[in-house]
PDB file of N, CA and C in Angstrom:
ATOM      1  N   MET A   1     -20.083  27.969 -18.224  1.00  0.00           N
ATOM      2  CA  MET A   1     -20.331  26.618 -17.789  1.00  0.00           C
ATOM      3  C   MET A   1     -19.040  25.811 -17.674  1.00  0.00           C
ATOM      4  N   ALA A   2     -18.014  26.192 -18.391  1.00  0.00           N
ATOM      5  CA  ALA A   2     -16.762  25.438 -18.348  1.00  0.00           C
ATOM      6  C   ALA A   2     -16.159  25.385 -16.944  1.00  0.00           C
ATOM      7  N   PRO A   3     -16.150  26.500 -16.180  1.00  0.00           N
ATOM      8  CA  PRO A   3     -15.569  26.400 -14.832  1.00  0.00           C
ATOM      9  C   PRO A   3     -16.288  25.389 -13.940  1.00  0.00           C
ATOM     10  N   PHE A   4     -17.612  25.279 -14.099  1.00  0.00           N
ATOM     11  CA  PHE A   4     -18.346  24.297 -13.294  1.00  0.00           C
ATOM     12  C   PHE A   4     -17.948  22.873 -13.677  1.00  0.00           C
ATOM     13  N   GLY A   5     -17.772  22.631 -14.956  1.00  0.00           N
ATOM     14  CA  GLY A   5     -17.358  21.304 -15.415  1.00  0.00           C
ATOM     15  C   GLY A   5     -15.964  20.948 -14.940  1.00  0.00           C
ATOM     16  N   ILE A   6     -15.065  21.937 -14.986  1.00  0.00           N
ATOM     17  CA  ILE A   6     -13.694  21.699 -14.518  1.00  0.00           C
ATOM     18  C   ILE A   6     -13.706  21.401 -13.020  1.00  0.00           C
ATOM     19  N   GLY A   7     -14.486  22.158 -12.270  1.00  0.00           N
ATOM     20  CA  GLY A   7     -14.590  21.912 -10.830  1.00  0.00           C
ATOM     21  C   GLY A   7     -15.186  20.548 -10.524  1.00  0.00           C
ATOM     22  N   ALA A   8     -16.146  20.137 -11.344  1.00  0.00           N
ATOM     23  CA  ALA A   8     -16.753  18.820 -11.140  1.00  0.00           C
ATOM     24  C   ALA A   8     -15.742  17.708 -11.392  1.00  0.00           C
ATOM     25  N   VAL A   9     -14.925  17.872 -12.415  1.00  0.00           N
ATOM     26  CA  VAL A   9     -13.902  16.857 -12.718  1.00  0.00           C
ATOM     27  C   VAL A   9     -12.871  16.796 -11.603  1.00  0.00           C
ATOM     28  N   ILE A  10     -12.417  17.947 -11.141  1.00  0.00           N
ATOM     29  CA  ILE A  10     -11.430  17.976 -10.058  1.00  0.00           C
ATOM     30  C   ILE A  10     -12.032  17.382  -8.784  1.00  0.00           C
ATOM     31  N   GLY A  11     -13.259  17.754  -8.463  1.00  0.00           N
ATOM     32  CA  GLY A  11     -13.915  17.218  -7.273  1.00  0.00           C
ATOM     33  C   GLY A  11     -14.149  15.726  -7.362  1.00  0.00           C
ATOM     34  N   GLY A  12     -14.542  15.254  -8.534  1.00  0.00           N
ATOM     35  CA  GLY A  12     -14.749  13.817  -8.711  1.00  0.00           C
ATOM     36  C   GLY A  12     -13.460  13.035  -8.569  1.00  0.00           C
ATOM     37  N   GLY A  13     -12.379  13.570  -9.120  1.00  0.00           N
ATOM     38  CA  GLY A  13     -11.077  12.905  -8.985  1.00  0.00           C
ATOM     39  C   GLY A  13     -10.603  12.867  -7.545  1.00  0.00           C
ATOM     40  N   ALA A  14     -10.775  13.980  -6.839  1.00  0.00           N
ATOM     41  CA  ALA A  14     -10.379  14.022  -5.431  1.00  0.00           C
ATOM     42  C   ALA A  14     -11.231  13.063  -4.603  1.00  0.00           C
ATOM     43  N   ASN A  15     -12.510  12.988  -4.914  1.00  0.00           N
ATOM     44  CA  ASN A  15     -13.409  12.077  -4.200  1.00  0.00           C
ATOM     45  C   ASN A  15     -12.991  10.626  -4.418  1.00  0.00           C
ATOM     46  N   ALA A  16     -12.666  10.274  -5.644  1.00  0.00           N
ATOM     47  CA  ALA A  16     -12.243   8.903  -5.943  1.00  0.00           C
ATOM     48  C   ALA A  16     -10.935   8.566  -5.233  1.00  0.00           C
ATOM     49  N   ALA A  17      -9.999   9.519  -5.202  1.00  0.00           N
ATOM     50  CA  ALA A  17      -8.720   9.280  -4.535  1.00  0.00           C
ATOM     51  C   ALA A  17      -8.922   9.097  -3.034  1.00  0.00           C
ATOM     52  N   LEU A  18      -9.758   9.928  -2.425  1.00  0.00           N
ATOM     53  CA  LEU A  18     -10.016   9.813  -0.993  1.00  0.00           C
ATOM     54  C   LEU A  18     -10.732   8.508  -0.665  1.00  0.00           C
ATOM     55  N   ALA A  19     -11.653   8.094  -1.513  1.00  0.00           N
ATOM     56  CA  ALA A  19     -12.355   6.827  -1.298  1.00  0.00           C
ATOM     57  C   ALA A  19     -11.387   5.648  -1.382  1.00  0.00           C
ATOM     58  N   ALA A  20     -10.468   5.695  -2.340  1.00  0.00           N
ATOM     59  CA  ALA A  20      -9.485   4.616  -2.466  1.00  0.00           C
ATOM     60  C   ALA A  20      -8.600   4.542  -1.226  1.00  0.00           C
ATOM     61  N   LEU A  21      -8.215   5.703  -0.699  1.00  0.00           N
ATOM     62  CA  LEU A  21      -7.404   5.709   0.524  1.00  0.00           C
ATOM     63  C   LEU A  21      -8.190   5.150   1.710  1.00  0.00           C
ATOM     64  N   ALA A  22      -9.469   5.476   1.794  1.00  0.00           N
ATOM     65  CA  ALA A  22     -10.295   4.976   2.893  1.00  0.00           C
ATOM     66  C   ALA A  22     -10.462   3.463   2.810  1.00  0.00           C
ATOM     67  N   VAL A  23     -10.671   2.941   1.616  1.00  0.00           N
ATOM     68  CA  VAL A  23     -10.812   1.488   1.443  1.00  0.00           C
ATOM     69  C   VAL A  23      -9.506   0.792   1.785  1.00  0.00           C
ATOM     70  N   ARG A  24      -8.394   1.349   1.345  1.00  0.00           N
ATOM     71  CA  ARG A  24      -7.088   0.755   1.639  1.00  0.00           C
ATOM     72  C   ARG A  24      -6.834   0.745   3.148  1.00  0.00           C
ATOM     73  N   ALA A  25      -7.161   1.839   3.829  1.00  0.00           N
ATOM     74  CA  ALA A  25      -6.968   1.905   5.282  1.00  0.00           C
ATOM     75  C   ALA A  25      -7.881   0.911   5.997  1.00  0.00           C
ATOM     76  N   GLY A  26      -9.108   0.768   5.532  1.00  0.00           N
ATOM     77  CA  GLY A  26     -10.020  -0.198   6.134  1.00  0.00           C
ATOM     78  C   GLY A  26      -9.540  -1.626   5.967  1.00  0.00           C
ATOM     79  N   ARG A  27      -9.046  -1.938   4.798  1.00  0.00           N
ATOM     80  CA  ARG A  27      -8.530  -3.300   4.571  1.00  0.00           C
ATOM     81  C   ARG A  27      -7.299  -3.564   5.411  1.00  0.00           C
ATOM     82  N   ARG A  28      -6.450  -2.545   5.567  1.00  0.00           N
ATOM     83  CA  ARG A  28      -5.249  -2.716   6.377  1.00  0.00           C
ATOM     84  C   ARG A  28      -5.635  -2.875   7.853  1.00  0.00           C
ATOM     85  N   THR A  29      -6.655  -2.162   8.295  1.00  0.00           N
ATOM     86  CA  THR A  29      -7.067  -2.205   9.694  1.00  0.00           C
ATOM     87  C   THR A  29      -7.824  -3.484  10.035  1.00  0.00           C
ATOM     88  N   PHE A  30      -8.799  -3.848   9.206  1.00  0.00           N
ATOM     89  CA  PHE A  30      -9.693  -4.960   9.533  1.00  0.00           C
ATOM     90  C   PHE A  30      -9.360  -6.253   8.809  1.00  0.00           C
ATOM     91  N   GLY A  31      -8.457  -6.225   7.857  1.00  0.00           N
ATOM     92  CA  GLY A  31      -8.121  -7.418   7.099  1.00  0.00           C
ATOM     93  C   GLY A  31      -9.138  -7.661   5.999  1.00  0.00           C
ATOM     94  N   PRO A  32      -8.951  -8.725   5.252  1.00  0.00           N
ATOM     95  CA  PRO A  32      -9.885  -9.000   4.158  1.00  0.00           C
ATOM     96  C   PRO A  32     -11.253  -9.429   4.689  1.00  0.00           C
ATOM     97  N   ALA A  33     -12.252  -9.186   3.889  1.00  0.00           N
ATOM     98  CA  ALA A  33     -13.610  -9.600   4.258  1.00  0.00           C
ATOM     99  C   ALA A  33     -13.702 -11.121   4.204  1.00  0.00           C
ATOM    100  N   PRO A  34     -14.507 -11.730   5.072  1.00  0.00           N
ATOM    101  CA  PRO A  34     -14.643 -13.185   5.041  1.00  0.00           C
ATOM    102  C   PRO A  34     -15.333 -13.644   3.758  1.00  0.00           C
ATOM    103  N   ALA A  35     -14.957 -14.823   3.291  1.00  0.00           N
ATOM    104  CA  ALA A  35     -15.571 -15.370   2.077  1.00  0.00           C
ATOM    105  C   ALA A  35     -17.036 -15.718   2.323  1.00  0.00           C
ATOM    106  N   THR A  36     -17.342 -16.221   3.518  1.00  0.00           N
ATOM    107  CA  THR A  36     -18.728 -16.531   3.896  1.00  0.00           C
ATOM    108  C   THR A  36     -18.941 -16.074   5.330  1.00  0.00           C
ATOM    109  N   TRP A  37     -20.191 -15.810   5.673  1.00  0.00           N
ATOM    110  CA  TRP A  37     -20.527 -15.426   7.038  1.00  0.00           C
ATOM    111  C   TRP A  37     -20.971 -16.660   7.804  1.00  0.00           C
ATOM    112  N   PRO A  38     -20.712 -16.701   9.116  1.00  0.00           N
ATOM    113  CA  PRO A  38     -21.229 -17.803   9.923  1.00  0.00           C
ATOM    114  C   PRO A  38     -22.756 -17.809   9.873  1.00  0.00           C
ATOM    115  N   PRO A  39     -23.385 -18.974  10.021  1.00  0.00           N
ATOM    116  CA  PRO A  39     -24.850 -19.043   9.923  1.00  0.00           C
ATOM    117  C   PRO A  39     -25.571 -18.122  10.907  1.00  0.00           C
ATOM    118  N   ALA A  40     -25.027 -17.947  12.097  1.00  0.00           N
ATOM    119  CA  ALA A  40     -25.698 -17.108  13.092  1.00  0.00           C
ATOM    120  C   ALA A  40     -25.736 -15.648  12.659  1.00  0.00           C
ATOM    121  N   LEU A  41     -24.793 -15.223  11.846  1.00  0.00           N
ATOM    122  CA  LEU A  41     -24.741 -13.833  11.410  1.00  0.00           C
ATOM    123  C   LEU A  41     -25.260 -13.645   9.993  1.00  0.00           C
ATOM    124  N   GLY A  42     -25.602 -14.722   9.328  1.00  0.00           N
ATOM    125  CA  GLY A  42     -26.001 -14.630   7.930  1.00  0.00           C
ATOM    126  C   GLY A  42     -27.338 -13.958   7.711  1.00  0.00           C
ATOM    127  N   ASP A  43     -28.343 -14.291   8.517  1.00  0.00           N
ATOM    128  CA  ASP A  43     -29.687 -13.744   8.340  1.00  0.00           C
ATOM    129  C   ASP A  43     -30.040 -12.885   9.547  1.00  0.00           C
ATOM    130  N   VAL A  44     -30.195 -11.619   9.307  1.00  0.00           N
ATOM    131  CA  VAL A  44     -30.577 -10.697  10.367  1.00  0.00           C
ATOM    132  C   VAL A  44     -32.031 -10.313  10.136  1.00  0.00           C
ATOM    133  N   PRO A  45     -32.909 -10.593  11.102  1.00  0.00           N
ATOM    134  CA  PRO A  45     -34.317 -10.233  10.896  1.00  0.00           C
ATOM    135  C   PRO A  45     -34.476  -8.717  10.840  1.00  0.00           C
ATOM    136  N   GLY A  46     -35.392  -8.287  10.032  1.00  0.00           N
ATOM    137  CA  GLY A  46     -35.584  -6.850   9.999  1.00  0.00           C
ATOM    138  C   GLY A  46     -36.377  -6.442   8.874  1.00  0.00           C
TER     139      GLY A  46
END
């Protein structure tokens, strides 16, 4: 069972690192998220 646990830890760490890179790239590309949404975009029916 130890090899599965080690693989899970390595995979989880790699996943977290890749997610952080994706968030950083998104923020660099699109800029910061707006503090509030305009009223026309605030409520989407559905």
